[in-house]
Protein backbone atom coordinates (compact mmCIF):
# COMPACT_ATOMS: atom_id res chain seq x y z
CA MET A 1 126.76 42.38 92.54
CA SER A 2 127.87 44.40 95.58
CA ASP A 3 130.75 45.91 93.54
CA ARG A 4 128.19 47.37 91.19
CA TYR A 5 126.85 49.59 93.98
CA SER A 6 130.09 50.47 95.77
CA VAL A 7 130.97 54.14 96.18
CA ARG A 8 134.52 55.40 96.33
CA PRO A 9 135.25 58.06 98.98
CA ALA A 10 136.54 60.55 96.39
CA HIS A 11 133.32 60.16 94.40
CA ALA A 12 131.25 60.61 97.55
CA LEU A 13 133.09 63.86 98.32
CA ALA A 14 132.49 65.10 94.79
CA CYS A 15 128.78 64.36 95.19
CA ILE A 16 128.72 66.18 98.54
CA THR A 17 130.40 69.18 96.93
CA LEU A 18 127.81 69.26 94.15
CA LEU A 19 125.02 68.89 96.70
CA LEU A 20 126.43 71.79 98.72
CA ALA A 21 126.55 73.91 95.58
CA THR A 22 122.89 73.18 94.97
CA LEU A 23 121.69 73.73 98.54
CA LEU A 24 123.79 76.67 99.69
CA PRO A 25 122.53 80.13 98.79
CA ALA A 26 124.66 82.05 96.33
CA SER A 27 127.16 84.12 98.27
CA PRO A 28 128.59 87.37 97.03
CA THR A 29 132.15 87.34 95.81
CA LEU A 30 134.55 88.87 98.27
CA ALA A 31 135.90 92.27 97.32
CA VAL A 32 139.64 91.83 97.65
CA GLU A 33 142.18 94.47 96.78
CA PRO A 34 144.97 92.77 94.81
CA ALA A 35 148.40 93.23 96.33
CA ALA A 36 151.17 94.16 93.92
CA ALA A 37 153.00 90.88 94.54
CA ASP A 38 149.85 88.84 93.95
CA VAL A 39 148.94 90.13 90.50
CA GLY A 40 148.95 87.43 87.83
CA ALA A 41 147.95 83.83 87.61
CA GLY A 42 149.05 83.03 91.16
CA PRO A 43 151.05 80.07 92.39
CA SER A 44 150.60 76.64 90.88
CA SER A 45 149.52 75.31 94.29
CA LEU A 46 149.30 76.14 97.99
CA VAL A 47 149.89 73.72 100.87
CA ILE A 48 148.42 73.52 104.38
CA LEU A 49 150.11 71.13 106.81
CA PHE A 50 148.29 69.41 109.70
CA GLU A 51 149.18 68.02 113.10
CA PRO A 52 149.16 64.22 113.47
CA GLY A 53 145.62 62.82 113.50
CA SER A 54 144.08 66.30 113.12
CA SER A 55 141.94 67.97 110.49
CA GLU A 56 141.74 71.27 112.38
CA LEU A 57 142.99 74.40 110.66
CA GLN A 58 145.39 76.52 112.69
CA ALA A 59 145.56 80.32 112.92
CA LYS A 60 148.59 80.39 110.59
CA ASP A 61 146.53 78.65 107.88
CA LYS A 62 144.29 81.72 107.54
CA ALA A 63 146.99 83.39 105.42
CA VAL A 64 147.06 80.43 103.00
CA LEU A 65 143.26 80.44 102.67
CA ASP A 66 143.31 84.23 102.14
CA HIS A 67 145.99 83.77 99.44
CA ALA A 68 143.87 81.13 97.69
CA SER A 69 140.84 83.44 97.87
CA ARG A 70 142.82 86.32 96.33
CA ALA A 71 144.09 84.02 93.57
CA TYR A 72 140.52 82.96 92.85
CA ASN A 73 139.21 86.54 92.82
CA GLN A 74 142.01 87.72 90.53
CA GLY A 75 142.02 84.84 88.09
CA LYS A 76 138.60 83.21 88.41
CA PRO A 77 139.93 79.68 87.83
CA ILE A 78 137.37 77.27 86.48
CA VAL A 79 138.10 74.66 89.17
CA MET A 80 139.98 74.78 92.47
CA ILE A 81 141.21 71.30 93.40
CA ILE A 82 141.53 70.49 97.09
CA THR A 83 143.51 67.30 97.73
CA GLY A 84 143.84 65.85 101.23
CA SER A 85 146.57 63.42 102.29
CA SER A 86 147.84 61.74 105.43
CA ASP A 87 151.03 60.13 106.62
CA ARG A 88 151.36 56.35 106.90
CA THR A 89 150.71 55.96 110.63
CA GLY A 90 147.51 54.08 111.44
CA ALA A 91 145.21 52.06 109.23
CA ALA A 92 144.84 52.93 105.54
CA LYS A 93 141.05 53.30 105.86
CA ALA A 94 141.39 55.67 108.82
CA ASN A 95 143.99 57.69 106.89
CA LEU A 96 141.64 57.99 103.92
CA THR A 97 138.89 59.27 106.22
CA LEU A 98 141.33 61.69 107.87
CA SER A 99 142.44 63.02 104.47
CA GLN A 100 138.74 63.59 103.62
CA ARG A 101 138.23 65.54 106.85
CA ARG A 102 141.31 67.65 106.12
CA ALA A 103 140.13 68.45 102.60
CA THR A 104 136.65 69.28 103.91
CA SER A 105 138.13 71.69 106.51
CA VAL A 106 139.97 73.56 103.77
CA LEU A 107 136.88 73.51 101.54
CA GLN A 108 134.82 75.08 104.33
CA GLY A 109 137.49 77.74 104.89
CA LEU A 110 137.35 78.69 101.21
CA LEU A 111 133.54 78.60 101.09
CA ASP A 112 133.58 80.95 104.09
CA ARG A 113 135.65 83.34 101.97
CA GLY A 114 132.93 83.54 99.34
CA ILE A 115 134.18 81.15 96.67
CA PRO A 116 131.18 79.35 95.13
CA ALA A 117 130.94 75.63 95.96
CA GLU A 118 130.59 74.69 92.29
CA ARG A 119 134.19 75.86 91.73
CA PHE A 120 135.67 73.00 93.78
CA GLN A 121 136.80 69.45 93.19
CA VAL A 122 137.63 67.72 96.47
CA LEU A 123 139.88 64.65 96.57
CA ALA A 124 140.97 62.44 99.45
CA LYS A 125 144.09 60.38 98.78
CA GLY A 126 144.79 59.00 102.24
CA GLU A 127 148.32 57.64 102.29
CA THR A 128 148.65 57.24 98.50
CA GLU A 129 150.68 59.46 96.14
CA LEU A 130 152.63 61.00 99.01
CA PRO A 131 155.11 63.82 98.39
CA VAL A 132 157.59 62.09 100.73
CA PRO A 133 157.38 58.30 100.24
CA THR A 134 157.77 56.41 103.53
CA GLN A 135 157.38 52.93 104.94
CA SER A 136 154.13 52.04 106.72
CA GLY A 137 154.00 53.41 110.26
CA ILE A 138 156.31 56.36 109.58
CA ALA A 139 155.03 59.80 110.62
CA GLU A 140 156.14 62.35 108.01
CA ALA A 141 154.88 65.91 108.57
CA GLN A 142 155.08 66.82 104.86
CA ASN A 143 152.54 64.07 104.06
CA ARG A 144 149.90 65.43 106.48
CA ARG A 145 148.64 68.04 104.06
CA VAL A 146 146.03 69.56 101.84
CA VAL A 147 147.11 70.95 98.48
CA ILE A 148 145.04 73.67 96.83
CA SER A 149 145.58 73.89 93.07
CA TRP A 150 143.54 75.25 90.17
CA HIS A 151 142.88 75.01 86.47
């Protein structure tokens, strides 16, 4: 009977995103001048890498968030997908939570740039579906990431 009421972390994040969309006031769309190199559909995805155990965005990540904002403003994708991951150091549950915090940091950075909350799907994958498969306990920088993609 307890399985009937269990909530998966990815589902909880999706619910939080929908709740934010309902509660946050509508924010005006940013007026962004398209750069010549940025015209078109934009990249298939953007990646932000994180320090071990951290979900804090660094100054260099501002450019990636700005790029994602420009891509949104130029193409108005229906959904921007934010997927957090972690490497395989530490416990799987802690890594899932860390990947959620990373995805939420990126979500907040994009919300701060005026993209409406209802345009996001937020996923936390922890140490599953890693771009660089490793054994448990291995710290791989390319796995400590958030990928921003859109449809």
